[in-house]
Amino acid sequence: MLVNLDKPRREPITRVDTAWLRMESPTNLMMITGVIVLDDAVDFPLLKEIIRTRFLSFPRFACRPVQHNGRGYWERDEHFEITAHVRRTALPGKADKAELESLVSELASTPLDKTKPLWQFNLVENYDKGPVLISRIHHCYADGMALVQVLLSLTESDREASCKPVEPERWTRIRARESGLFRRLLEPAREGCDALQQISQKVLGEARAMLYRPERAAGYLNDGTEILAELAHALTLSADPPCRFKGPLGVRKQVAWNEPLDLEEVKAVGKALGATVNDVLISCITGALHRYLRDCGDDPGQLQIRATVPVNLRPLEHSRELGNHFGLVFLDLPVGENNPLRRLCRVNENMRHLKESKQATVALGLLAALGMAPGVAHKPALEMLSSKATTVLTNLPGPAEPLFLAGSRVEQLMFWVPQTGNIGMGISILSYDGKVFCGLVTDHRQVPDPRKIVSRFRPEFENLLHLTMLLGPDHVADSDGVEQQVHGWIEGTD
């Protein structure tokens, strides 16, 4: 075990990490669940050694969160044993994708052992497409951007090098060198970071006050202070409308993921329509939600739901640190829109609006306020905030080149973020090695089979691709963006 015995046995947990620790409930476990599909068998003792020397080079993973005198601390596990965290398991029957999704669903619904550090790896060796490494890590340890770095630290771009455990001294030197990949993944919105530093204790105090007295926020809506105005706007948003995706939660989660899309095709569609890759992907998953509701006999009508979208606010100089350094923004998803082009226009417009706002910075301050709030007041505040959204949507850029783990090539990467409060659905999008993967996690009471939504993702993209081809080569996107680009085609494609 890699533990620095010179460090104190117990260290305080930050306010934001405390907030994520307190968000755990029986119906929403605060775990980030990941799946890595490999192309060839791996040696289990070698895999354990790689995790020991690489994963545990982050000392926090040898600690567990504890409460002491009303405060949260990271406490070093004096009885740490890696065999409790890295295990073998097997799929029954055909060992196909449906059975793998069932196993991941079961693990995503099972709490981690709170007497130990809150993480676990399960190696599935009999999946019909190759070995699978399933990871579960509690959100209080780090946000998604940091955990991408942690999981990538287990891999190498060279097959032979991926078989070699890395000793702590060499690992420290490797991590000290800036990597172009990590720089691309973790470069923050610097203006957001600068703005965050300007949030005073007074603003955090106002955040705490407004959490429990939302009517107080109304006075700030016309305030000249942009940060306070954004805070007031977030707290005075109406609750999301009732629909099949929102309702009482159970304790069972269901996960599914798609066969990947070609990233170059997605880029081509976005370029032709003056949209970003994110716009195209979010538009397609919104279309998949629309079709699912229609097939269930519901009328989406003018339905619009909100997604909470994490935005990285981690300074580059802290890119190798764990912890949660991100804000959340509310993104409107036009689920009721039937026309793929009009839907893309609306997603593009909503994304542009968010990029100009300070929502993410305010949300990080709000999480800090929740971390300071008494435990008894935390639940109603969380329920009030989570009522304003129906899903969590996370989109992370992964490595553009293939990676290797313990001598085996990584074929697929997928992950699912936890939901908070009464939110029962999570959407995850990840690009890797020229492919785009989309994953969905749902509450079993609301959507018992998320594959019925995920299966509609590719057809929605193909619809958009075909419409783009109909536009022809003369319709090259210009600075006017999506709306000008598709003007004149929308009515004809209803």
Protein backbone atom coordinates (compact mmCIF):
# COMPACT_ATOMS: atom_id res chain seq x y z
CA MET A 1 0.00 0.00 0.00
CA LEU A 2 1.29 3.44 -0.95
CA VAL A 3 0.64 5.59 2.11
CA ASN A 4 2.81 8.47 3.26
CA LEU A 5 3.16 7.79 6.97
CA ASP A 6 4.61 11.28 7.50
CA LYS A 7 1.20 12.76 6.72
CA PRO A 8 -1.38 13.16 9.52
CA ARG A 9 -3.73 10.23 10.02
CA ARG A 10 -6.75 12.50 9.58
CA GLU A 11 -7.24 15.50 7.28
CA PRO A 12 -10.32 17.74 6.87
CA ILE A 13 -12.64 17.20 3.91
CA THR A 14 -13.34 20.32 1.86
CA ARG A 15 -16.78 21.90 2.01
CA VAL A 16 -17.63 20.94 -1.57
CA ASP A 17 -16.50 17.32 -1.09
CA THR A 18 -18.52 17.26 2.14
CA ALA A 19 -21.60 18.32 0.16
CA TRP A 20 -21.18 15.35 -2.21
CA LEU A 21 -20.65 13.00 0.73
CA ARG A 22 -23.89 14.19 2.33
CA MET A 23 -25.87 13.79 -0.89
CA GLU A 24 -25.83 10.01 -0.61
CA SER A 25 -29.24 8.43 -0.07
CA PRO A 26 -30.66 4.90 -0.45
CA THR A 27 -32.32 5.93 -3.74
CA ASN A 28 -29.30 7.81 -5.16
CA LEU A 29 -25.87 6.45 -4.32
CA MET A 30 -23.07 8.96 -4.96
CA MET A 31 -20.86 6.64 -7.01
CA ILE A 32 -19.27 7.24 -10.39
CA THR A 33 -19.44 3.88 -12.18
CA GLY A 34 -17.15 3.11 -15.12
CA VAL A 35 -16.69 0.27 -17.62
CA ILE A 36 -13.50 -0.51 -19.55
CA VAL A 37 -13.82 -3.26 -22.18
CA LEU A 38 -10.51 -4.87 -23.19
CA ASP A 39 -9.59 -6.92 -26.25
CA ASP A 40 -7.60 -9.72 -24.61
CA ALA A 41 -7.17 -11.55 -21.31
CA VAL A 42 -5.27 -9.82 -18.52
CA ASP A 43 -3.23 -11.34 -15.73
CA PHE A 44 -5.16 -10.69 -12.49
CA PRO A 45 -2.10 -10.43 -10.18
CA LEU A 46 -0.54 -7.98 -12.65
CA LEU A 47 -3.73 -5.93 -12.71
CA LYS A 48 -3.73 -5.73 -8.90
CA GLU A 49 -0.09 -4.62 -8.95
CA ILE A 50 -0.84 -1.90 -11.50
CA ILE A 51 -3.70 -0.61 -9.36
CA ARG A 52 -1.51 -0.78 -6.26
CA THR A 53 1.32 1.24 -7.78
CA ARG A 54 -0.70 3.65 -9.94
CA PHE A 55 -4.15 4.13 -8.44
CA LEU A 56 -2.81 4.26 -4.90
CA SER A 57 -0.21 6.82 -5.88
CA PHE A 58 -3.11 9.16 -5.06
CA PRO A 59 -2.93 8.78 -1.24
CA ARG A 60 -6.57 9.73 -0.71
CA PHE A 61 -7.68 6.35 -2.08
CA ALA A 62 -6.14 4.74 1.00
CA CYS A 63 -8.45 6.85 3.17
CA ARG A 64 -12.12 6.68 4.05
CA PRO A 65 -14.39 9.63 4.86
CA VAL A 66 -15.49 9.82 8.50
CA GLN A 67 -17.50 12.22 10.66
CA HIS A 68 -16.01 13.53 13.91
CA ASN A 69 -17.57 16.24 16.08
CA GLY A 70 -19.78 17.36 13.21
CA ARG A 71 -16.88 17.69 10.75
CA GLY A 72 -15.82 15.49 7.85
CA TYR A 73 -12.30 14.05 7.63
CA TRP A 74 -10.22 11.80 5.44
CA GLU A 75 -8.98 9.06 7.74
CA ARG A 76 -6.20 6.71 6.68
CA ASP A 77 -7.34 3.06 6.73
CA GLU A 78 -4.81 1.36 8.98
CA HIS A 79 -6.15 -2.05 7.91
CA PHE A 80 -6.17 -1.38 4.19
CA GLU A 81 -6.08 -4.53 2.05
CA ILE A 82 -6.18 -4.27 -1.73
CA THR A 83 -7.94 -7.62 -2.13
CA ALA A 84 -11.01 -6.00 -0.56
CA HIS A 85 -11.10 -3.49 -3.41
CA VAL A 86 -9.98 -5.45 -6.50
CA ARG A 87 -12.07 -8.53 -7.18
CA ARG A 88 -12.90 -11.11 -9.83
CA THR A 89 -16.45 -11.82 -10.91
CA ALA A 90 -18.21 -13.69 -13.71
CA LEU A 91 -21.31 -13.38 -15.88
CA PRO A 92 -23.82 -16.24 -16.11
CA GLY A 93 -25.27 -17.87 -19.21
CA LYS A 94 -24.34 -16.28 -22.54
CA ALA A 95 -22.20 -13.61 -20.86
CA ASP A 96 -23.41 -11.13 -23.48
CA LYS A 97 -24.00 -7.38 -23.38
CA ALA A 98 -27.43 -7.68 -21.75
CA GLU A 99 -25.92 -9.68 -18.88
CA LEU A 100 -23.02 -7.25 -18.54
CA GLU A 101 -25.46 -4.33 -18.35
CA SER A 102 -27.40 -6.25 -15.68
CA LEU A 103 -24.23 -6.75 -13.60
CA VAL A 104 -23.22 -3.10 -13.92
CA SER A 105 -26.78 -2.13 -12.92
CA GLU A 106 -26.53 -4.32 -9.83
CA LEU A 107 -23.18 -2.82 -8.83
CA ALA A 108 -24.45 0.72 -9.47
CA SER A 109 -27.34 -0.04 -7.08
CA THR A 110 -25.16 -1.50 -4.30
CA PRO A 111 -23.60 0.79 -1.66
CA LEU A 112 -19.86 0.70 -1.09
CA ASP A 113 -18.57 -0.60 2.25
CA LYS A 114 -18.30 2.49 4.49
CA THR A 115 -15.85 0.75 6.83
CA LYS A 116 -13.28 0.92 4.02
CA PRO A 117 -12.14 3.48 1.42
CA LEU A 118 -15.09 4.00 -0.92
CA TRP A 119 -13.92 2.48 -4.20
CA GLN A 120 -13.82 -0.90 -5.89
CA PHE A 121 -12.75 -2.60 -9.13
CA ASN A 122 -14.40 -5.78 -10.47
CA LEU A 123 -12.72 -7.75 -13.26
CA VAL A 124 -15.15 -9.72 -15.46
CA GLU A 125 -13.16 -12.32 -17.39
CA ASN A 126 -15.83 -14.17 -19.37
CA TYR A 127 -17.66 -11.40 -21.27
CA ASP A 128 -18.09 -12.52 -24.88
CA LYS A 129 -16.35 -9.41 -26.28
CA GLY A 130 -13.36 -9.48 -23.95
CA PRO A 131 -12.45 -8.82 -20.30
CA VAL A 132 -14.19 -5.92 -18.57
CA LEU A 133 -12.97 -3.79 -15.67
CA ILE A 134 -15.86 -2.19 -13.75
CA SER A 135 -14.92 0.66 -11.43
CA ARG A 136 -16.97 2.26 -8.65
CA ILE A 137 -15.63 5.37 -6.93
CA HIS A 138 -17.54 7.63 -4.54
CA HIS A 139 -18.08 11.15 -5.85
CA CYS A 140 -16.68 12.70 -2.65
CA TYR A 141 -13.17 11.64 -3.73
CA ALA A 142 -13.15 13.60 -6.97
CA ASP A 143 -15.21 14.95 -9.83
CA GLY A 144 -15.51 13.32 -13.24
CA MET A 145 -12.66 15.29 -14.83
CA ALA A 146 -10.23 14.26 -12.10
CA LEU A 147 -11.38 10.64 -12.19
CA VAL A 148 -10.83 10.49 -15.94
CA GLN A 149 -7.21 11.37 -15.21
CA VAL A 150 -7.05 8.77 -12.44
CA LEU A 151 -8.39 5.97 -14.68
CA LEU A 152 -6.16 7.00 -17.57
CA SER A 153 -3.20 6.79 -15.19
CA LEU A 154 -3.74 3.01 -15.18
CA THR A 155 -3.09 2.88 -18.93
CA GLU A 156 -0.29 3.52 -21.43
CA SER A 157 -0.23 4.27 -25.15
CA ASP A 158 2.20 1.33 -25.56
CA ARG A 159 1.17 -2.29 -24.93
CA GLU A 160 4.47 -3.37 -23.37
CA ALA A 161 4.73 -0.32 -21.12
CA SER A 162 1.20 -0.97 -19.83
CA CYS A 163 2.40 -4.24 -18.28
CA LYS A 164 4.98 -2.56 -16.08
CA PRO A 165 3.98 -1.44 -12.58
CA VAL A 166 5.16 2.07 -11.82
CA GLU A 167 6.98 2.61 -8.54
CA PRO A 168 6.10 5.72 -6.50
CA GLU A 169 9.32 7.65 -7.20
CA ARG A 170 9.10 7.21 -10.98
CA TRP A 171 5.37 7.86 -10.93
CA THR A 172 5.92 11.20 -9.18
CA ARG A 173 8.33 12.25 -11.93
CA ILE A 174 5.91 11.16 -14.65
CA ARG A 175 2.99 13.06 -13.12
CA ALA A 176 5.18 16.15 -12.69
CA ARG A 177 5.51 16.49 -16.47
CA GLU A 178 2.66 18.24 -18.20
CA SER A 179 0.85 16.06 -20.71
CA GLY A 180 -0.89 17.43 -23.77
CA LEU A 181 -3.75 15.00 -23.17
CA PHE A 182 -4.28 16.06 -19.56
CA ARG A 183 -3.93 19.72 -20.53
CA ARG A 184 -6.72 19.28 -23.11
CA LEU A 185 -8.92 17.38 -20.66
CA LEU A 186 -8.44 19.63 -17.67
CA GLU A 187 -7.94 23.15 -19.03
CA PRO A 188 -10.65 25.08 -17.16
CA ALA A 189 -12.76 28.03 -18.10
CA ARG A 190 -10.25 30.49 -16.66
CA GLU A 191 -12.70 33.35 -16.50
CA GLY A 192 -14.93 31.14 -14.36
CA CYS A 193 -12.03 30.37 -12.02
CA ASP A 194 -11.16 34.04 -11.71
CA ALA A 195 -14.76 34.88 -10.98
CA LEU A 196 -14.96 32.11 -8.41
CA GLN A 197 -12.05 33.62 -6.51
CA GLN A 198 -14.01 36.85 -6.30
CA ILE A 199 -16.96 35.26 -4.50
CA SER A 200 -16.71 36.58 -0.97
CA GLN A 201 -17.94 35.04 2.26
CA LYS A 202 -20.83 37.48 2.04
CA VAL A 203 -22.01 35.89 -1.22
CA LEU A 204 -21.71 32.40 0.27
CA GLY A 205 -23.71 33.67 3.21
CA GLU A 206 -26.40 34.91 0.86
CA ALA A 207 -26.38 31.54 -0.89
CA ARG A 208 -27.05 29.77 2.40
CA ALA A 209 -29.82 32.22 3.26
CA MET A 210 -31.50 31.91 -0.13
CA LEU A 211 -31.39 28.12 -0.04
CA TYR A 212 -33.88 28.11 2.80
CA ARG A 213 -35.74 31.31 1.87
CA PRO A 214 -36.02 31.29 -1.96
CA GLU A 215 -38.28 34.34 -1.88
CA ARG A 216 -35.25 36.34 -0.77
CA ALA A 217 -33.68 35.59 -4.16
CA ALA A 218 -36.31 37.65 -5.97
CA GLY A 219 -34.70 40.83 -4.74
CA TYR A 220 -31.50 39.99 -6.58
CA LEU A 221 -32.99 39.23 -10.00
CA ASN A 222 -32.51 42.86 -11.06
CA ASP A 223 -29.40 43.35 -8.98
CA GLY A 224 -26.39 44.84 -10.72
CA THR A 225 -24.11 42.17 -9.25
CA GLU A 226 -23.94 39.46 -11.91
CA ILE A 227 -22.97 36.66 -9.53
CA LEU A 228 -25.87 37.38 -7.17
CA ALA A 229 -28.27 37.72 -10.10
CA GLU A 230 -27.22 34.30 -11.43
CA LEU A 231 -27.65 32.81 -7.96
CA ALA A 232 -31.12 34.31 -7.66
CA HIS A 233 -32.04 33.05 -11.13
CA ALA A 234 -31.00 29.47 -10.26
CA LEU A 235 -32.97 29.45 -7.02
CA THR A 236 -36.14 30.93 -8.52
CA LEU A 237 -36.37 28.52 -11.46
CA SER A 238 -39.65 26.65 -11.54
CA ALA A 239 -39.70 22.91 -10.91
CA ASP A 240 -39.42 20.70 -13.97
CA PRO A 241 -42.79 19.47 -15.30
CA PRO A 242 -43.96 15.94 -14.45
CA CYS A 243 -43.19 13.30 -17.07
CA ARG A 244 -42.24 9.63 -17.37
CA PHE A 245 -38.62 10.47 -16.46
CA LYS A 246 -39.44 12.14 -13.14
CA GLY A 247 -41.20 10.70 -10.12
CA PRO A 248 -40.71 8.73 -6.89
CA LEU A 249 -37.38 6.87 -6.85
CA GLY A 250 -36.55 3.29 -5.96
CA VAL A 251 -33.25 1.71 -4.98
CA ARG A 252 -32.60 -0.11 -8.27
CA LYS A 253 -30.68 1.57 -11.10
CA GLN A 254 -30.55 0.33 -14.69
CA VAL A 255 -27.69 1.16 -17.07
CA ALA A 256 -27.23 0.81 -20.81
CA TRP A 257 -24.86 2.09 -23.46
CA ASN A 258 -24.88 2.30 -27.24
CA GLU A 259 -22.77 0.87 -30.01
CA PRO A 260 -20.41 3.77 -30.74
CA LEU A 261 -20.80 6.46 -33.38
CA ASP A 262 -17.98 7.56 -35.65
CA LEU A 263 -16.59 10.81 -34.22
CA GLU A 264 -15.58 12.14 -37.64
CA GLU A 265 -19.14 11.78 -38.88
CA VAL A 266 -20.43 13.69 -35.86
CA LYS A 267 -17.86 16.43 -36.48
CA ALA A 268 -18.85 16.62 -40.14
CA VAL A 269 -22.54 17.10 -39.28
CA GLY A 270 -21.70 19.76 -36.73
CA LYS A 271 -19.45 21.64 -39.14
CA ALA A 272 -22.01 21.53 -41.93
CA LEU A 273 -24.73 22.93 -39.66
CA GLY A 274 -22.60 25.44 -37.77
CA ALA A 275 -22.95 23.51 -34.52
CA THR A 276 -20.51 21.92 -32.09
CA VAL A 277 -20.03 18.20 -31.56
CA ASN A 278 -21.72 18.62 -28.18
CA ASP A 279 -24.72 20.31 -29.79
CA VAL A 280 -25.16 17.42 -32.22
CA LEU A 281 -24.86 14.72 -29.55
CA ILE A 282 -27.15 16.44 -27.06
CA SER A 283 -29.69 17.05 -29.83
CA CYS A 284 -29.65 13.34 -30.73
CA ILE A 285 -30.12 12.10 -27.17
CA THR A 286 -32.94 14.64 -26.75
CA GLY A 287 -34.52 13.18 -29.89
CA ALA A 288 -34.15 9.68 -28.45
CA LEU A 289 -36.04 10.79 -25.32
CA HIS A 290 -38.76 12.26 -27.56
CA ARG A 291 -39.18 9.02 -29.54
CA TYR A 292 -39.25 6.92 -26.38
CA LEU A 293 -42.11 8.98 -24.94
CA ARG A 294 -44.02 8.71 -28.22
CA ASP A 295 -43.52 4.93 -28.36
CA CYS A 296 -44.77 4.66 -24.76
CA GLY A 297 -48.00 6.36 -25.82
CA ASP A 298 -47.17 9.73 -24.23
CA ASP A 299 -47.55 13.04 -26.03
CA PRO A 300 -44.33 15.06 -25.55
CA GLY A 301 -46.16 18.13 -26.87
CA GLN A 302 -44.18 21.18 -25.85
CA LEU A 303 -42.30 19.31 -23.12
CA GLN A 304 -39.02 20.88 -22.08
CA ILE A 305 -36.93 19.44 -19.28
CA ARG A 306 -33.70 20.62 -17.70
CA ALA A 307 -30.42 18.79 -17.39
CA THR A 308 -27.78 19.73 -14.87
CA VAL A 309 -24.46 19.81 -16.75
CA PRO A 310 -21.10 19.77 -14.88
CA VAL A 311 -18.61 22.44 -16.02
CA ASN A 312 -14.93 22.10 -15.13
CA LEU A 313 -13.57 24.94 -12.97
CA ARG A 314 -10.29 23.29 -12.04
CA PRO A 315 -7.20 25.50 -12.45
CA LEU A 316 -4.55 23.82 -14.61
CA GLU A 317 -1.98 24.05 -11.82
CA HIS A 318 -4.28 21.81 -9.74
CA SER A 319 -5.03 19.38 -12.57
CA ARG A 320 -3.43 16.41 -10.78
CA GLU A 321 -5.31 16.94 -7.53
CA LEU A 322 -8.41 15.08 -6.48
CA GLY A 323 -11.51 16.74 -5.07
CA ASN A 324 -14.54 18.35 -6.69
CA HIS A 325 -13.84 21.54 -8.63
CA PHE A 326 -16.78 21.97 -10.95
CA GLY A 327 -19.99 23.94 -11.18
CA LEU A 328 -23.37 22.96 -12.55
CA VAL A 329 -25.46 24.71 -15.17
CA PHE A 330 -29.11 24.14 -16.08
CA LEU A 331 -29.51 23.23 -19.75
CA ASP A 332 -32.98 23.22 -21.33
CA LEU A 333 -33.61 20.10 -23.45
CA PRO A 334 -36.40 20.57 -26.05
CA VAL A 335 -37.80 17.03 -25.70
CA GLY A 336 -41.13 18.09 -27.22
CA GLU A 337 -39.50 19.20 -30.48
CA ASN A 338 -40.15 16.68 -33.26
CA ASN A 339 -38.07 18.34 -35.99
CA PRO A 340 -34.36 17.33 -35.81
CA LEU A 341 -33.11 20.58 -37.33
CA ARG A 342 -35.24 22.82 -35.15
CA ARG A 343 -34.20 20.74 -32.14
CA LEU A 344 -30.54 21.26 -33.00
CA CYS A 345 -31.15 25.01 -33.38
CA ARG A 346 -32.69 25.21 -29.92
CA VAL A 347 -29.93 23.15 -28.28
CA ASN A 348 -27.29 25.34 -29.97
CA GLU A 349 -29.03 28.51 -28.75
CA ASN A 350 -29.37 27.19 -25.20
CA MET A 351 -25.70 26.19 -25.10
CA ARG A 352 -24.59 29.62 -26.35
CA HIS A 353 -26.60 31.27 -23.60
CA LEU A 354 -25.00 29.11 -20.92
CA LYS A 355 -21.48 29.86 -22.16
CA GLU A 356 -22.14 33.55 -21.59
CA SER A 357 -23.43 33.05 -18.03
CA LYS A 358 -21.77 32.63 -14.64
CA GLN A 359 -24.03 29.74 -13.61
CA ALA A 360 -21.20 27.24 -13.15
CA THR A 361 -19.24 29.54 -10.88
CA VAL A 362 -22.30 30.27 -8.77
CA ALA A 363 -23.12 26.56 -8.48
CA LEU A 364 -19.69 25.76 -7.07
CA GLY A 365 -20.22 28.44 -4.44
CA LEU A 366 -23.65 26.98 -3.77
CA LEU A 367 -22.16 23.52 -3.22
CA ALA A 368 -19.74 25.07 -0.75
CA ALA A 369 -22.71 26.64 1.05
CA LEU A 370 -24.39 23.22 1.21
CA GLY A 371 -21.19 21.78 2.65
CA MET A 372 -21.31 24.37 5.43
CA ALA A 373 -25.02 23.87 6.14
CA PRO A 374 -26.14 21.72 9.09
CA GLY A 375 -26.91 18.14 8.12
CA VAL A 376 -30.58 18.45 9.10
CA ALA A 377 -31.02 21.35 6.64
CA HIS A 378 -29.18 19.68 3.79
CA LYS A 379 -31.95 17.35 2.57
CA PRO A 380 -34.71 19.96 1.97
CA ALA A 381 -32.23 22.26 0.22
CA LEU A 382 -31.08 19.42 -2.03
CA GLU A 383 -34.64 18.39 -2.84
CA MET A 384 -35.53 21.98 -3.73
CA LEU A 385 -32.55 22.29 -6.10
CA SER A 386 -32.97 18.85 -7.71
CA SER A 387 -36.66 19.51 -8.40
CA LYS A 388 -35.53 22.02 -11.04
CA ALA A 389 -34.01 19.29 -13.28
CA THR A 390 -34.97 15.87 -14.62
CA THR A 391 -31.58 14.49 -15.63
CA VAL A 392 -27.83 14.91 -15.23
CA LEU A 393 -25.86 15.22 -18.48
CA THR A 394 -22.10 14.74 -18.60
CA ASN A 395 -19.95 14.96 -21.73
CA LEU A 396 -16.22 14.23 -21.42
CA PRO A 397 -13.55 14.15 -24.13
CA GLY A 398 -11.45 11.02 -23.87
CA PRO A 399 -8.13 10.13 -25.51
CA ALA A 400 -8.03 10.34 -29.30
CA GLU A 401 -5.55 7.43 -29.55
CA PRO A 402 -5.90 3.82 -28.34
CA LEU A 403 -4.73 2.94 -24.84
CA PHE A 404 -3.53 -0.29 -23.22
CA LEU A 405 -4.15 -1.68 -19.73
CA ALA A 406 -2.12 -4.60 -18.36
CA GLY A 407 -1.09 -5.54 -21.91
CA SER A 408 -4.61 -5.45 -23.35
CA ARG A 409 -6.00 -2.81 -25.68
CA VAL A 410 -8.90 -0.72 -24.37
CA GLU A 411 -11.76 -1.18 -26.84
CA GLN A 412 -14.56 0.70 -25.09
CA LEU A 413 -14.87 3.26 -22.30
CA MET A 414 -18.10 4.18 -20.57
CA PHE A 415 -19.13 5.79 -17.29
CA TRP A 416 -22.23 6.88 -15.40
CA VAL A 417 -22.41 9.77 -12.97
CA PRO A 418 -24.69 9.71 -9.91
CA GLN A 419 -27.89 11.72 -9.69
CA THR A 420 -28.80 13.92 -6.75
CA GLY A 421 -31.94 14.44 -4.71
CA ASN A 422 -35.00 13.28 -6.65
CA ILE A 423 -33.34 13.18 -10.09
CA GLY A 424 -33.68 9.68 -11.53
CA MET A 425 -31.84 9.78 -14.88
CA GLY A 426 -28.24 10.37 -15.97
CA ILE A 427 -26.88 10.78 -19.50
CA SER A 428 -23.16 10.25 -20.19
CA ILE A 429 -21.30 10.96 -23.42
CA LEU A 430 -17.64 10.04 -23.88
CA SER A 431 -15.36 10.12 -26.92
CA TYR A 432 -12.43 7.71 -27.26
CA ASP A 433 -10.21 6.59 -30.13
CA GLY A 434 -12.37 8.19 -32.84
CA LYS A 435 -15.64 6.86 -31.41
CA VAL A 436 -18.47 8.34 -29.36
CA PHE A 437 -20.18 6.31 -26.63
CA CYS A 438 -23.47 7.28 -25.02
CA GLY A 439 -24.61 5.79 -21.72
CA LEU A 440 -27.82 6.09 -19.75
CA VAL A 441 -28.66 5.29 -16.14
CA THR A 442 -32.28 5.35 -15.03
CA ASP A 443 -34.36 4.59 -11.98
CA HIS A 444 -36.07 1.22 -12.42
CA ARG A 445 -39.42 2.63 -11.30
CA GLN A 446 -39.39 5.23 -14.08
CA VAL A 447 -37.56 3.60 -16.99
CA PRO A 448 -37.08 -0.13 -16.34
CA ASP A 449 -35.20 -0.71 -19.61
CA PRO A 450 -32.98 2.21 -20.69
CA ARG A 451 -31.85 0.20 -23.73
CA LYS A 452 -35.12 1.27 -25.35
CA ILE A 453 -33.86 4.86 -25.20
CA VAL A 454 -30.21 4.18 -26.01
CA SER A 455 -31.21 2.13 -29.07
CA ARG A 456 -32.80 5.26 -30.54
CA PHE A 457 -29.61 7.29 -30.32
CA ARG A 458 -28.07 6.08 -33.59
CA PRO A 459 -31.31 6.43 -35.63
CA GLU A 460 -31.64 10.01 -34.39
CA PHE A 461 -28.09 10.77 -35.49
CA GLU A 462 -28.67 9.11 -38.86
CA ASN A 463 -31.79 11.25 -39.36
CA LEU A 464 -29.73 14.36 -38.75
CA LEU A 465 -26.96 13.05 -41.01
CA HIS A 466 -29.40 12.44 -43.87
CA LEU A 467 -30.93 15.90 -43.49
CA THR A 468 -27.45 17.39 -43.55
CA MET A 469 -26.70 15.55 -46.80
CA LEU A 470 -29.94 16.95 -48.25
CA LEU A 471 -28.68 20.45 -47.53
CA GLY A 472 -25.85 19.76 -49.98
CA PRO A 473 -22.30 21.08 -50.29
CA ASP A 474 -23.43 24.63 -51.09
CA HIS A 475 -24.82 25.08 -47.58
CA VAL A 476 -21.58 25.56 -45.67
CA ALA A 477 -22.00 26.84 -42.13
CA ASP A 478 -21.22 30.52 -41.63
CA SER A 479 -20.91 32.84 -38.69
CA ASP A 480 -24.69 33.16 -38.38
CA GLY A 481 -24.80 29.70 -36.81
CA VAL A 482 -27.31 26.88 -36.98
CA GLU A 483 -30.53 28.88 -37.21
CA GLN A 484 -29.48 30.76 -40.36
CA GLN A 485 -27.94 27.62 -41.80
CA VAL A 486 -31.10 25.52 -41.76
CA HIS A 487 -33.59 28.34 -42.35
CA GLY A 488 -35.97 27.36 -45.12
CA TRP A 489 -35.53 23.63 -44.53
CA ILE A 490 -37.24 23.33 -41.17
CA GLU A 491 -40.86 23.51 -42.29
CA GLY A 492 -40.26 20.96 -45.00
CA THR A 493 -38.88 18.39 -42.60
CA ASP A 494 -41.63 18.39 -39.96
